[in-house]
Amino acid sequence: MATARTRSANVISHGAGFSNQVVELDLLYPSEGMHKRWDVEYRITLTAATSNQAAFVLRI
């Protein structure tokens, strides 16, 4: 995941060995979604942001 000014890019690979991985994307801090994921043992593995968006990748 990468960002530059107002653009973002994600690279997704098939067969990389990751399972139970999700992305939370929001124009504001995605507190409600993050707390729901945290409660079921998801943990943040990657973050990226532009001036108006934040993205978080989480996995179990």
Protein backbone atom coordinates (compact mmCIF):
# COMPACT_ATOMS: atom_id res chain seq x y z
CA MET A 1 0.00 0.00 0.00
CA ALA A 2 1.28 3.44 -0.88
CA THR A 3 -0.01 6.99 -1.11
CA ALA A 4 1.04 10.14 -2.93
CA ARG A 5 -0.88 13.38 -2.46
CA THR A 6 -4.52 12.37 -3.02
CA ARG A 7 -3.92 8.99 -4.66
CA SER A 8 -3.40 5.57 -3.19
CA ALA A 9 -2.40 2.17 -4.53
CA ASN A 10 -2.77 -1.37 -3.20
CA VAL A 11 -1.02 -4.50 -4.40
CA ILE A 12 -2.87 -7.74 -3.78
CA SER A 13 -1.22 -11.13 -4.31
CA HIS A 14 -2.99 -14.44 -4.74
CA GLY A 15 -1.46 -17.36 -2.83
CA ALA A 16 0.70 -15.19 -0.55
CA GLY A 17 -0.24 -17.23 2.51
CA PHE A 18 -2.28 -14.50 4.21
CA SER A 19 -5.78 -15.31 5.37
CA ASN A 20 -8.37 -13.38 7.34
CA GLN A 21 -7.06 -10.04 6.11
CA VAL A 22 -9.25 -6.92 5.79
CA VAL A 23 -8.92 -3.25 4.87
CA GLU A 24 -10.61 -0.42 6.74
CA LEU A 25 -10.81 2.74 4.62
CA ASP A 26 -12.46 5.93 5.77
CA LEU A 27 -12.47 9.68 5.23
CA LEU A 28 -12.21 10.12 8.99
CA TYR A 29 -10.52 7.90 11.55
CA PRO A 30 -12.49 4.62 11.22
CA SER A 31 -12.89 4.15 14.97
CA GLU A 32 -16.07 2.07 15.00
CA GLY A 33 -14.87 -0.39 12.37
CA MET A 34 -11.45 -0.63 13.99
CA HIS A 35 -12.92 -1.44 17.40
CA LYS A 36 -15.15 -4.16 15.93
CA ARG A 37 -12.13 -5.77 14.21
CA TRP A 38 -9.97 -5.45 17.35
CA ASP A 39 -12.62 -7.19 19.45
CA VAL A 40 -12.37 -10.32 17.25
CA GLU A 41 -8.54 -10.40 17.37
CA TYR A 42 -7.66 -8.49 14.16
CA ARG A 43 -4.45 -6.47 14.48
CA ILE A 44 -3.09 -3.66 12.33
CA THR A 45 -0.32 -4.74 9.95
CA LEU A 46 -0.12 -1.73 7.63
CA THR A 47 -1.29 1.87 7.45
CA ALA A 48 -1.28 4.56 4.79
CA ALA A 49 -2.96 7.95 4.47
CA THR A 50 -3.58 10.86 2.17
CA SER A 51 -4.67 14.29 3.33
CA ASN A 52 -8.32 13.17 3.39
CA GLN A 53 -8.29 9.36 3.82
CA ALA A 54 -6.78 6.77 6.10
CA ALA A 55 -6.42 3.08 5.28
CA PHE A 56 -5.58 0.27 7.66
CA VAL A 57 -4.83 -3.34 6.77
CA LEU A 58 -5.61 -5.78 9.57
CA ARG A 59 -5.26 -9.53 9.93
CA ILE A 60 -5.81 -12.20 12.51
